[in-house]
Each structure stands twice: as structure tokens, then as C-alpha cells.
PDB file of all heavy atoms in Angstrom:
ATOM      1  N   ARG A   1     -41.826  -9.093 -40.223  1.00  0.00           N
ATOM      2  CA  ARG A   1     -42.973  -8.197 -40.402  1.00  0.00           C
ATOM      3  C   ARG A   1     -42.533  -6.735 -40.266  1.00  0.00           C
ATOM      4  O   ARG A   1     -42.953  -5.873 -41.056  1.00  0.00           O
ATOM      5  CB  ARG A   1     -44.072  -8.512 -39.379  1.00  0.00           C
ATOM      6  CG  ARG A   1     -45.422  -7.873 -39.723  1.00  0.00           C
ATOM      7  CD  ARG A   1     -46.463  -8.127 -38.642  1.00  0.00           C
ATOM      8  NE  ARG A   1     -46.660  -9.520 -38.335  1.00  0.00           N
ATOM      9  CZ  ARG A   1     -47.462 -10.341 -39.002  1.00  0.00           C
ATOM     10  NH1 ARG A   1     -48.145  -9.887 -40.042  1.00  0.00           N
ATOM     11  NH2 ARG A   1     -47.586 -11.612 -38.624  1.00  0.00           N
ATOM     12  N   ALA A   2     -41.675  -6.469 -39.282  1.00  0.00           N
ATOM     13  CA  ALA A   2     -41.194  -5.099 -39.103  1.00  0.00           C
ATOM     14  C   ALA A   2     -40.419  -4.635 -40.337  1.00  0.00           C
ATOM     15  O   ALA A   2     -40.550  -3.473 -40.757  1.00  0.00           O
ATOM     16  CB  ALA A   2     -40.310  -5.029 -37.857  1.00  0.00           C
ATOM     17  N   PHE A   3     -39.636  -5.530 -40.932  1.00  0.00           N
ATOM     18  CA  PHE A   3     -38.902  -5.164 -42.145  1.00  0.00           C
ATOM     19  C   PHE A   3     -39.866  -4.886 -43.298  1.00  0.00           C
ATOM     20  O   PHE A   3     -39.754  -3.863 -43.985  1.00  0.00           O
ATOM     21  CB  PHE A   3     -37.926  -6.273 -42.531  1.00  0.00           C
ATOM     22  CG  PHE A   3     -37.314  -6.086 -43.893  1.00  0.00           C
ATOM     23  CD1 PHE A   3     -36.273  -5.185 -44.081  1.00  0.00           C
ATOM     24  CD2 PHE A   3     -37.789  -6.792 -44.992  1.00  0.00           C
ATOM     25  CE1 PHE A   3     -35.720  -4.993 -45.342  1.00  0.00           C
ATOM     26  CE2 PHE A   3     -37.247  -6.607 -46.252  1.00  0.00           C
ATOM     27  CZ  PHE A   3     -36.199  -5.706 -46.433  1.00  0.00           C
ATOM     28  N   PHE A   4     -40.810  -5.784 -43.518  1.00  0.00           N
ATOM     29  CA  PHE A   4     -41.713  -5.620 -44.666  1.00  0.00           C
ATOM     30  C   PHE A   4     -42.605  -4.388 -44.531  1.00  0.00           C
ATOM     31  O   PHE A   4     -43.042  -3.831 -45.542  1.00  0.00           O
ATOM     32  CB  PHE A   4     -42.555  -6.871 -44.855  1.00  0.00           C
ATOM     33  CG  PHE A   4     -41.799  -8.044 -45.416  1.00  0.00           C
ATOM     34  CD1 PHE A   4     -41.732  -9.245 -44.730  1.00  0.00           C
ATOM     35  CD2 PHE A   4     -41.143  -7.952 -46.637  1.00  0.00           C
ATOM     36  CE1 PHE A   4     -41.035 -10.325 -45.240  1.00  0.00           C
ATOM     37  CE2 PHE A   4     -40.440  -9.029 -47.156  1.00  0.00           C
ATOM     38  CZ  PHE A   4     -40.387 -10.220 -46.455  1.00  0.00           C
ATOM     39  N   HIS A   5     -42.869  -3.942 -43.306  1.00  0.00           N
ATOM     40  CA  HIS A   5     -43.697  -2.765 -43.108  1.00  0.00           C
ATOM     41  C   HIS A   5     -42.922  -1.457 -43.302  1.00  0.00           C
ATOM     42  O   HIS A   5     -43.530  -0.379 -43.286  1.00  0.00           O
ATOM     43  CB  HIS A   5     -44.334  -2.795 -41.717  1.00  0.00           C
ATOM     44  CG  HIS A   5     -45.490  -3.729 -41.621  1.00  0.00           C
ATOM     45  ND1 HIS A   5     -46.227  -3.893 -40.463  1.00  0.00           N
ATOM     46  CD2 HIS A   5     -46.067  -4.565 -42.534  1.00  0.00           C
ATOM     47  CE1 HIS A   5     -47.193  -4.786 -40.665  1.00  0.00           C
ATOM     48  NE2 HIS A   5     -47.116  -5.203 -41.911  1.00  0.00           N
ATOM     49  N   LEU A   6     -41.605  -1.545 -43.477  1.00  0.00           N
ATOM     50  CA  LEU A   6     -40.826  -0.345 -43.758  1.00  0.00           C
ATOM     51  C   LEU A   6     -41.190   0.201 -45.136  1.00  0.00           C
ATOM     52  O   LEU A   6     -41.643  -0.540 -46.014  1.00  0.00           O
ATOM     53  CB  LEU A   6     -39.329  -0.673 -43.744  1.00  0.00           C
ATOM     54  CG  LEU A   6     -38.691  -1.054 -42.403  1.00  0.00           C
ATOM     55  CD1 LEU A   6     -37.268  -1.539 -42.621  1.00  0.00           C
ATOM     56  CD2 LEU A   6     -38.716   0.133 -41.443  1.00  0.00           C
ATOM     57  N   PRO A   7     -40.987   1.497 -45.368  1.00  0.00           N
ATOM     58  CA  PRO A   7     -41.208   2.021 -46.723  1.00  0.00           C
ATOM     59  C   PRO A   7     -40.225   1.397 -47.701  1.00  0.00           C
ATOM     60  O   PRO A   7     -39.123   0.971 -47.324  1.00  0.00           O
ATOM     61  CB  PRO A   7     -40.958   3.523 -46.561  1.00  0.00           C
ATOM     62  CG  PRO A   7     -40.121   3.649 -45.329  1.00  0.00           C
ATOM     63  CD  PRO A   7     -40.548   2.532 -44.418  1.00  0.00           C
ATOM     64  N   ASP A   8     -40.608   1.336 -48.955  1.00  0.00           N
ATOM     65  CA  ASP A   8     -39.748   0.720 -49.968  1.00  0.00           C
ATOM     66  C   ASP A   8     -38.373   1.387 -50.026  1.00  0.00           C
ATOM     67  O   ASP A   8     -37.370   0.728 -50.324  1.00  0.00           O
ATOM     68  CB  ASP A   8     -40.413   0.784 -51.344  1.00  0.00           C
ATOM     69  CG  ASP A   8     -41.557  -0.212 -51.477  1.00  0.00           C
ATOM     70  OD1 ASP A   8     -41.797  -0.982 -50.517  1.00  0.00           O
ATOM     71  OD2 ASP A   8     -42.216  -0.215 -52.536  1.00  0.00           O
ATOM     72  N   SER A   9     -38.310   2.667 -49.717  1.00  0.00           N
ATOM     73  CA  SER A   9     -37.027   3.362 -49.768  1.00  0.00           C
ATOM     74  C   SER A   9     -36.029   2.785 -48.768  1.00  0.00           C
ATOM     75  O   SER A   9     -34.816   2.792 -49.017  1.00  0.00           O
ATOM     76  CB  SER A   9     -37.231   4.863 -49.496  1.00  0.00           C
ATOM     77  OG  SER A   9     -37.832   5.059 -48.217  1.00  0.00           O
ATOM     78  N   ALA A  10     -36.522   2.258 -47.641  1.00  0.00           N
ATOM     79  CA  ALA A  10     -35.641   1.656 -46.645  1.00  0.00           C
ATOM     80  C   ALA A  10     -35.208   0.252 -47.045  1.00  0.00           C
ATOM     81  O   ALA A  10     -34.168  -0.239 -46.596  1.00  0.00           O
ATOM     82  CB  ALA A  10     -36.337   1.619 -45.286  1.00  0.00           C
ATOM     83  N   LYS A  11     -35.993  -0.402 -47.903  1.00  0.00           N
ATOM     84  CA  LYS A  11     -35.670  -1.758 -48.359  1.00  0.00           C
ATOM     85  C   LYS A  11     -34.824  -1.755 -49.631  1.00  0.00           C
ATOM     86  O   LYS A  11     -34.128  -2.735 -49.931  1.00  0.00           O
ATOM     87  CB  LYS A  11     -36.965  -2.541 -48.589  1.00  0.00           C
ATOM     88  CG  LYS A  11     -37.735  -2.808 -47.298  1.00  0.00           C
ATOM     89  CD  LYS A  11     -39.053  -3.529 -47.537  1.00  0.00           C
ATOM     90  CE  LYS A  11     -40.149  -2.585 -47.957  1.00  0.00           C
ATOM     91  NZ  LYS A  11     -41.490  -3.206 -47.915  1.00  0.00           N
ATOM     92  N   GLU A  12     -34.851  -0.649 -50.358  1.00  0.00           N
ATOM     93  CA  GLU A  12     -34.175  -0.574 -51.646  1.00  0.00           C
ATOM     94  C   GLU A  12     -32.671  -0.871 -51.574  1.00  0.00           C
ATOM     95  O   GLU A  12     -32.133  -1.507 -52.487  1.00  0.00           O
ATOM     96  CB  GLU A  12     -34.411   0.805 -52.275  1.00  0.00           C
ATOM     97  CG  GLU A  12     -33.878   0.957 -53.688  1.00  0.00           C
ATOM     98  CD  GLU A  12     -34.506  -0.011 -54.680  1.00  0.00           C
ATOM     99  OE1 GLU A  12     -35.663  -0.446 -54.467  1.00  0.00           O
ATOM    100  OE2 GLU A  12     -33.818  -0.343 -55.661  1.00  0.00           O
ATOM    101  N   PRO A  13     -31.940  -0.463 -50.523  1.00  0.00           N
ATOM    102  CA  PRO A  13     -30.504  -0.770 -50.489  1.00  0.00           C
ATOM    103  C   PRO A  13     -30.179  -2.271 -50.508  1.00  0.00           C
ATOM    104  O   PRO A  13     -29.059  -2.637 -50.858  1.00  0.00           O
ATOM    105  CB  PRO A  13     -30.033  -0.126 -49.179  1.00  0.00           C
ATOM    106  CG  PRO A  13     -30.995   0.992 -48.947  1.00  0.00           C
ATOM    107  CD  PRO A  13     -32.317   0.466 -49.428  1.00  0.00           C
ATOM    108  N   VAL A  14     -31.138  -3.131 -50.149  1.00  0.00           N
ATOM    109  CA  VAL A  14     -30.890  -4.581 -50.184  1.00  0.00           C
ATOM    110  C   VAL A  14     -31.782  -5.257 -51.228  1.00  0.00           C
ATOM    111  O   VAL A  14     -32.102  -6.442 -51.123  1.00  0.00           O
ATOM    112  CB  VAL A  14     -31.086  -5.229 -48.794  1.00  0.00           C
ATOM    113  CG1 VAL A  14     -29.981  -4.785 -47.856  1.00  0.00           C
ATOM    114  CG2 VAL A  14     -32.463  -4.896 -48.202  1.00  0.00           C
ATOM    115  N   ASN A  15     -32.182  -4.520 -52.252  1.00  0.00           N
ATOM    116  CA  ASN A  15     -33.023  -5.062 -53.315  1.00  0.00           C
ATOM    117  C   ASN A  15     -32.209  -6.042 -54.154  1.00  0.00           C
ATOM    118  O   ASN A  15     -31.206  -5.667 -54.774  1.00  0.00           O
ATOM    119  CB  ASN A  15     -33.545  -3.926 -54.194  1.00  0.00           C
ATOM    120  CG  ASN A  15     -34.602  -4.384 -55.182  1.00  0.00           C
ATOM    121  OD1 ASN A  15     -34.707  -5.571 -55.516  1.00  0.00           O
ATOM    122  ND2 ASN A  15     -35.396  -3.451 -55.665  1.00  0.00           N
ATOM    123  N   MET A  16     -32.618  -7.308 -54.182  1.00  0.00           N
ATOM    124  CA  MET A  16     -31.858  -8.316 -54.910  1.00  0.00           C
ATOM    125  C   MET A  16     -31.880  -8.094 -56.425  1.00  0.00           C
ATOM    126  O   MET A  16     -31.081  -8.691 -57.152  1.00  0.00           O
ATOM    127  CB  MET A  16     -32.373  -9.725 -54.582  1.00  0.00           C
ATOM    128  CG  MET A  16     -33.750 -10.054 -55.118  1.00  0.00           C
ATOM    129  SD  MET A  16     -34.181 -11.803 -54.894  1.00  0.00           S
ATOM    130  CE  MET A  16     -34.359 -11.950 -53.121  1.00  0.00           C
ATOM    131  N   ALA A  17     -32.771  -7.244 -56.917  1.00  0.00           N
ATOM    132  CA  ALA A  17     -32.807  -6.962 -58.351  1.00  0.00           C
ATOM    133  C   ALA A  17     -31.520  -6.315 -58.836  1.00  0.00           C
ATOM    134  O   ALA A  17     -31.224  -6.334 -60.031  1.00  0.00           O
ATOM    135  CB  ALA A  17     -33.991  -6.063 -58.686  1.00  0.00           C
ATOM    136  N   HIS A  18     -30.734  -5.754 -57.909  1.00  0.00           N
ATOM    137  CA  HIS A  18     -29.475  -5.121 -58.284  1.00  0.00           C
ATOM    138  C   HIS A  18     -28.302  -6.093 -58.217  1.00  0.00           C
ATOM    139  O   HIS A  18     -27.152  -5.682 -58.381  1.00  0.00           O
ATOM    140  CB  HIS A  18     -29.195  -3.923 -57.372  1.00  0.00           C
ATOM    141  CG  HIS A  18     -30.307  -2.925 -57.332  1.00  0.00           C
ATOM    142  ND1 HIS A  18     -30.971  -2.499 -58.476  1.00  0.00           N
ATOM    143  CD2 HIS A  18     -30.891  -2.274 -56.293  1.00  0.00           C
ATOM    144  CE1 HIS A  18     -31.906  -1.626 -58.139  1.00  0.00           C
ATOM    145  NE2 HIS A  18     -31.890  -1.478 -56.824  1.00  0.00           N
ATOM    146  N   THR A  19     -28.577  -7.355 -57.916  1.00  0.00           N
ATOM    147  CA  THR A  19     -27.518  -8.352 -57.750  1.00  0.00           C
ATOM    148  C   THR A  19     -27.671  -9.449 -58.799  1.00  0.00           C
ATOM    149  O   THR A  19     -28.652  -9.499 -59.541  1.00  0.00           O
ATOM    150  CB  THR A  19     -27.582  -8.996 -56.354  1.00  0.00           C
ATOM    151  OG1 THR A  19     -28.684  -9.930 -56.313  1.00  0.00           O
ATOM    152  CG2 THR A  19     -27.781  -7.956 -55.262  1.00  0.00           C
ATOM    153  N   GLY A  20     -26.711 -10.338 -58.831  1.00  0.00           N
ATOM    154  CA  GLY A  20     -26.809 -11.515 -59.693  1.00  0.00           C
ATOM    155  C   GLY A  20     -27.139 -12.758 -58.907  1.00  0.00           C
ATOM    156  O   GLY A  20     -26.812 -13.870 -59.326  1.00  0.00           O
ATOM    157  N   SER A  21     -27.775 -12.584 -57.752  1.00  0.00           N
ATOM    158  CA  SER A  21     -28.074 -13.729 -56.889  1.00  0.00           C
ATOM    159  C   SER A  21     -29.435 -13.551 -56.258  1.00  0.00           C
ATOM    160  O   SER A  21     -30.163 -12.602 -56.558  1.00  0.00           O
ATOM    161  CB  SER A  21     -27.000 -13.862 -55.802  1.00  0.00           C
ATOM    162  OG  SER A  21     -27.059 -12.755 -54.918  1.00  0.00           O
ATOM    163  N   ASN A  22     -29.789 -14.466 -55.371  1.00  0.00           N
ATOM    164  CA  ASN A  22     -31.062 -14.391 -54.662  1.00  0.00           C
ATOM    165  C   ASN A  22     -30.793 -14.152 -53.176  1.00  0.00           C
ATOM    166  O   ASN A  22     -31.070 -14.979 -52.326  1.00  0.00           O
ATOM    167  CB  ASN A  22     -31.904 -15.646 -54.880  1.00  0.00           C
ATOM    168  CG  ASN A  22     -31.171 -16.919 -54.462  1.00  0.00           C
ATOM    169  OD1 ASN A  22     -29.943 -16.951 -54.385  1.00  0.00           O
ATOM    170  ND2 ASN A  22     -31.922 -17.980 -54.202  1.00  0.00           N
ATOM    171  N   ARG A  23     -30.246 -12.984 -52.892  1.00  0.00           N
ATOM    172  CA  ARG A  23     -30.007 -12.553 -51.516  1.00  0.00           C
ATOM    173  C   ARG A  23     -30.563 -11.149 -51.367  1.00  0.00           C
ATOM    174  O   ARG A  23     -30.293 -10.262 -52.179  1.00  0.00           O
ATOM    175  CB  ARG A  23     -28.508 -12.547 -51.190  1.00  0.00           C
ATOM    176  CG  ARG A  23     -27.817 -13.900 -51.297  1.00  0.00           C
ATOM    177  CD  ARG A  23     -28.281 -14.860 -50.200  1.00  0.00           C
ATOM    178  NE  ARG A  23     -27.467 -16.062 -50.162  1.00  0.00           N
ATOM    179  CZ  ARG A  23     -27.712 -17.165 -50.853  1.00  0.00           C
ATOM    180  NH1 ARG A  23     -28.748 -17.195 -51.687  1.00  0.00           N
ATOM    181  NH2 ARG A  23     -26.936 -18.226 -50.745  1.00  0.00           N
ATOM    182  N   GLY A  24     -31.342 -10.946 -50.292  1.00  0.00           N
ATOM    183  CA  GLY A  24     -31.913  -9.644 -50.032  1.00  0.00           C
ATOM    184  C   GLY A  24     -33.403  -9.594 -50.273  1.00  0.00           C
ATOM    185  O   GLY A  24     -34.099 -10.616 -50.260  1.00  0.00           O
ATOM    186  N   TRP A  25     -33.900  -8.377 -50.501  1.00  0.00           N
ATOM    187  CA  TRP A  25     -35.342  -8.121 -50.634  1.00  0.00           C
ATOM    188  C   TRP A  25     -35.799  -8.331 -52.067  1.00  0.00           C
ATOM    189  O   TRP A  25     -35.174  -7.867 -53.021  1.00  0.00           O
ATOM    190  CB  TRP A  25     -35.618  -6.676 -50.223  1.00  0.00           C
ATOM    191  CG  TRP A  25     -37.032  -6.212 -50.435  1.00  0.00           C
ATOM    192  CD1 TRP A  25     -38.169  -6.773 -49.940  1.00  0.00           C
ATOM    193  CD2 TRP A  25     -37.450  -5.067 -51.188  1.00  0.00           C
ATOM    194  NE1 TRP A  25     -39.277  -6.054 -50.337  1.00  0.00           N
ATOM    195  CE2 TRP A  25     -38.856  -4.995 -51.101  1.00  0.00           C
ATOM    196  CE3 TRP A  25     -36.772  -4.089 -51.923  1.00  0.00           C
ATOM    197  CZ2 TRP A  25     -39.599  -3.999 -51.727  1.00  0.00           C
ATOM    198  CZ3 TRP A  25     -37.502  -3.085 -52.538  1.00  0.00           C
ATOM    199  CH2 TRP A  25     -38.905  -3.038 -52.442  1.00  0.00           C
ATOM    200  N   GLY A  26     -36.914  -9.050 -52.202  1.00  0.00           N
ATOM    201  CA  GLY A  26     -37.581  -9.180 -53.482  1.00  0.00           C
ATOM    202  C   GLY A  26     -38.892  -8.414 -53.442  1.00  0.00           C
ATOM    203  O   GLY A  26     -39.774  -8.700 -52.620  1.00  0.00           O
ATOM    204  N   ALA A  27     -39.024  -7.414 -54.288  1.00  0.00           N
ATOM    205  CA  ALA A  27     -40.206  -6.557 -54.305  1.00  0.00           C
ATOM    206  C   ALA A  27     -41.416  -7.311 -54.859  1.00  0.00           C
ATOM    207  O   ALA A  27     -41.277  -8.388 -55.450  1.00  0.00           O
ATOM    208  CB  ALA A  27     -39.923  -5.317 -55.157  1.00  0.00           C
ATOM    209  N   PRO A  28     -42.623  -6.776 -54.702  1.00  0.00           N
ATOM    210  CA  PRO A  28     -43.798  -7.397 -55.328  1.00  0.00           C
ATOM    211  C   PRO A  28     -43.580  -7.567 -56.831  1.00  0.00           C
ATOM    212  O   PRO A  28     -42.950  -6.734 -57.481  1.00  0.00           O
ATOM    213  CB  PRO A  28     -44.921  -6.401 -55.037  1.00  0.00           C
ATOM    214  CG  PRO A  28     -44.481  -5.658 -53.824  1.00  0.00           C
ATOM    215  CD  PRO A  28     -42.993  -5.567 -53.923  1.00  0.00           C
ATOM    216  N   TYR A  29     -44.073  -8.676 -57.347  1.00  0.00           N
ATOM    217  CA  TYR A  29     -44.041  -8.988 -58.782  1.00  0.00           C
ATOM    218  C   TYR A  29     -42.611  -9.230 -59.302  1.00  0.00           C
ATOM    219  O   TYR A  29     -42.368  -9.116 -60.496  1.00  0.00           O
ATOM    220  CB  TYR A  29     -44.729  -7.884 -59.601  1.00  0.00           C
ATOM    221  CG  TYR A  29     -46.119  -7.564 -59.092  1.00  0.00           C
ATOM    222  CD1 TYR A  29     -46.358  -6.381 -58.399  1.00  0.00           C
ATOM    223  CD2 TYR A  29     -47.173  -8.464 -59.265  1.00  0.00           C
ATOM    224  CE1 TYR A  29     -47.623  -6.098 -57.900  1.00  0.00           C
ATOM    225  CE2 TYR A  29     -48.440  -8.181 -58.771  1.00  0.00           C
ATOM    226  CZ  TYR A  29     -48.665  -7.010 -58.084  1.00  0.00           C
ATOM    227  OH  TYR A  29     -49.923  -6.730 -57.590  1.00  0.00           O
ATOM    228  N   SER A  30     -41.697  -9.598 -58.400  1.00  0.00           N
ATOM    229  CA  SER A  30     -40.315  -9.869 -58.828  1.00  0.00           C
ATOM    230  C   SER A  30     -40.062 -11.356 -59.081  1.00  0.00           C
ATOM    231  O   SER A  30     -38.969 -11.721 -59.495  1.00  0.00           O
ATOM    232  CB  SER A  30     -39.321  -9.345 -57.790  1.00  0.00           C
ATOM    233  OG  SER A  30     -39.507  -9.964 -56.533  1.00  0.00           O
ATOM    234  N   GLU A  31     -41.072 -12.186 -58.821  1.00  0.00           N
ATOM    235  CA  GLU A  31     -40.958 -13.622 -59.078  1.00  0.00           C
ATOM    236  C   GLU A  31     -42.165 -14.096 -59.867  1.00  0.00           C
ATOM    237  O   GLU A  31     -43.265 -13.558 -59.726  1.00  0.00           O
ATOM    238  CB  GLU A  31     -40.913 -14.429 -57.771  1.00  0.00           C
ATOM    239  CG  GLU A  31     -39.617 -14.373 -57.024  1.00  0.00           C
ATOM    240  CD  GLU A  31     -39.619 -15.355 -55.861  1.00  0.00           C
ATOM    241  OE1 GLU A  31     -40.633 -16.039 -55.622  1.00  0.00           O
ATOM    242  OE2 GLU A  31     -38.605 -15.425 -55.198  1.00  0.00           O
ATOM    243  N   GLN A  32     -41.948 -15.142 -60.650  1.00  0.00           N
ATOM    244  CA  GLN A  32     -43.033 -15.753 -61.412  1.00  0.00           C
ATOM    245  C   GLN A  32     -42.810 -17.267 -61.398  1.00  0.00           C
ATOM    246  O   GLN A  32     -42.089 -17.806 -62.218  1.00  0.00           O
ATOM    247  CB  GLN A  32     -43.057 -15.214 -62.846  1.00  0.00           C
ATOM    248  CG  GLN A  32     -44.266 -15.661 -63.655  1.00  0.00           C
ATOM    249  CD  GLN A  32     -44.336 -14.970 -65.004  1.00  0.00           C
ATOM    250  OE1 GLN A  32     -43.365 -14.364 -65.461  1.00  0.00           O
ATOM    251  NE2 GLN A  32     -45.492 -15.037 -65.653  1.00  0.00           N
ATOM    252  N   VAL A  33     -43.437 -17.956 -60.433  1.00  0.00           N
ATOM    253  CA  VAL A  33     -43.196 -19.389 -60.298  1.00  0.00           C
ATOM    254  C   VAL A  33     -43.968 -20.207 -61.328  1.00  0.00           C
ATOM    255  O   VAL A  33     -43.621 -21.349 -61.601  1.00  0.00           O
ATOM    256  CB  VAL A  33     -43.528 -19.897 -58.873  1.00  0.00           C
ATOM    257  CG1 VAL A  33     -42.659 -19.206 -57.832  1.00  0.00           C
ATOM    258  CG2 VAL A  33     -45.003 -19.725 -58.551  1.00  0.00           C
ATOM    259  N   ASP A  34     -45.033 -19.629 -61.884  1.00  0.00           N
ATOM    260  CA  ASP A  34     -45.832 -20.316 -62.896  1.00  0.00           C
ATOM    261  C   ASP A  34     -45.880 -19.424 -64.141  1.00  0.00           C
ATOM    262  O   ASP A  34     -46.440 -18.327 -64.097  1.00  0.00           O
ATOM    263  CB  ASP A  34     -47.250 -20.562 -62.377  1.00  0.00           C
ATOM    264  CG  ASP A  34     -48.147 -21.274 -63.381  1.00  0.00           C
ATOM    265  OD1 ASP A  34     -47.705 -21.506 -64.529  1.00  0.00           O
ATOM    266  OD2 ASP A  34     -49.303 -21.595 -63.020  1.00  0.00           O
ATOM    267  N   PRO A  35     -45.295 -19.867 -65.246  1.00  0.00           N
ATOM    268  CA  PRO A  35     -45.280 -19.014 -66.447  1.00  0.00           C
ATOM    269  C   PRO A  35     -46.663 -18.726 -67.002  1.00  0.00           C
ATOM    270  O   PRO A  35     -46.833 -17.790 -67.796  1.00  0.00           O
ATOM    271  CB  PRO A  35     -44.428 -19.812 -67.437  1.00  0.00           C
ATOM    272  CG  PRO A  35     -44.475 -21.221 -66.953  1.00  0.00           C
ATOM    273  CD  PRO A  35     -44.597 -21.141 -65.460  1.00  0.00           C
ATOM    274  N   ASP A  36     -47.664 -19.517 -66.613  1.00  0.00           N
ATOM    275  CA  ASP A  36     -49.028 -19.289 -67.083  1.00  0.00           C
ATOM    276  C   ASP A  36     -49.828 -18.348 -66.178  1.00  0.00           C
ATOM    277  O   ASP A  36     -50.986 -18.038 -66.472  1.00  0.00           O
ATOM    278  CB  ASP A  36     -49.765 -20.622 -67.206  1.00  0.00           C
ATOM    279  CG  ASP A  36     -49.170 -21.509 -68.289  1.00  0.00           C
ATOM    280  OD1 ASP A  36     -48.694 -20.962 -69.301  1.00  0.00           O
ATOM    281  OD2 ASP A  36     -49.162 -22.748 -68.110  1.00  0.00           O
ATOM    282  N   ALA A  37     -49.210 -17.926 -65.071  1.00  0.00           N
ATOM    283  CA  ALA A  37     -49.852 -16.967 -64.164  1.00  0.00           C
ATOM    284  C   ALA A  37     -49.088 -15.655 -64.217  1.00  0.00           C
ATOM    285  O   ALA A  37     -47.995 -15.569 -64.781  1.00  0.00           O
ATOM    286  CB  ALA A  37     -49.871 -17.520 -62.740  1.00  0.00           C
ATOM    287  N   ASN A  38     -49.652 -14.614 -63.629  1.00  0.00           N
ATOM    288  CA  ASN A  38     -48.948 -13.348 -63.512  1.00  0.00           C
ATOM    289  C   ASN A  38     -47.859 -13.457 -62.449  1.00  0.00           C
ATOM    290  O   ASN A  38     -47.911 -14.352 -61.591  1.00  0.00           O
ATOM    291  CB  ASN A  38     -49.930 -12.237 -63.144  1.00  0.00           C
ATOM    292  CG  ASN A  38     -50.898 -11.936 -64.270  1.00  0.00           C
ATOM    293  OD1 ASN A  38     -50.547 -12.045 -65.445  1.00  0.00           O
ATOM    294  ND2 ASN A  38     -52.127 -11.558 -63.927  1.00  0.00           N
ATOM    295  N   PRO A  39     -46.866 -12.568 -62.468  1.00  0.00           N
ATOM    296  CA  PRO A  39     -45.871 -12.569 -61.393  1.00  0.00           C
ATOM    297  C   PRO A  39     -46.541 -12.475 -60.024  1.00  0.00           C
ATOM    298  O   PRO A  39     -47.583 -11.837 -59.854  1.00  0.00           O
ATOM    299  CB  PRO A  39     -45.024 -11.333 -61.704  1.00  0.00           C
ATOM    300  CG  PRO A  39     -45.123 -11.190 -63.195  1.00  0.00           C
ATOM    301  CD  PRO A  39     -46.540 -11.581 -63.524  1.00  0.00           C
ATOM    302  N   ASP A  40     -45.950 -13.126 -59.027  1.00  0.00           N
ATOM    303  CA  ASP A  40     -46.533 -13.211 -57.692  1.00  0.00           C
ATOM    304  C   ASP A  40     -46.513 -11.842 -57.004  1.00  0.00           C
ATOM    305  O   ASP A  40     -45.516 -11.123 -57.071  1.00  0.00           O
ATOM    306  CB  ASP A  40     -45.746 -14.211 -56.843  1.00  0.00           C
ATOM    307  CG  ASP A  40     -45.658 -15.589 -57.512  1.00  0.00           C
ATOM    308  OD1 ASP A  40     -46.608 -15.958 -58.227  1.00  0.00           O
ATOM    309  OD2 ASP A  40     -44.638 -16.269 -57.313  1.00  0.00           O
TER     310      ASP A  40
END
């Protein structure tokens, strides 16, 4: 909870969008588990 309440700028250095794997922070709308729904 303490991590998620940080500003996005503090989470950006571990943003998994910059990697080729699923390690680190995933921002809002970065996953879509159901193709018929909007990203989570």
C-alpha cells in the first residue's frame, strides 16, 4: 500500500513496460485479461 500510494514518478524507475518481462510495477490499464473488456 505504501508503494502504490507513492507518486507515479517514484514508481516509474521500476515500470515493467520498459522491460521484456513481468517484473516490477504495472501502471493502470497495462493489462487486459479479457479481450472483450477494457484494460483493467
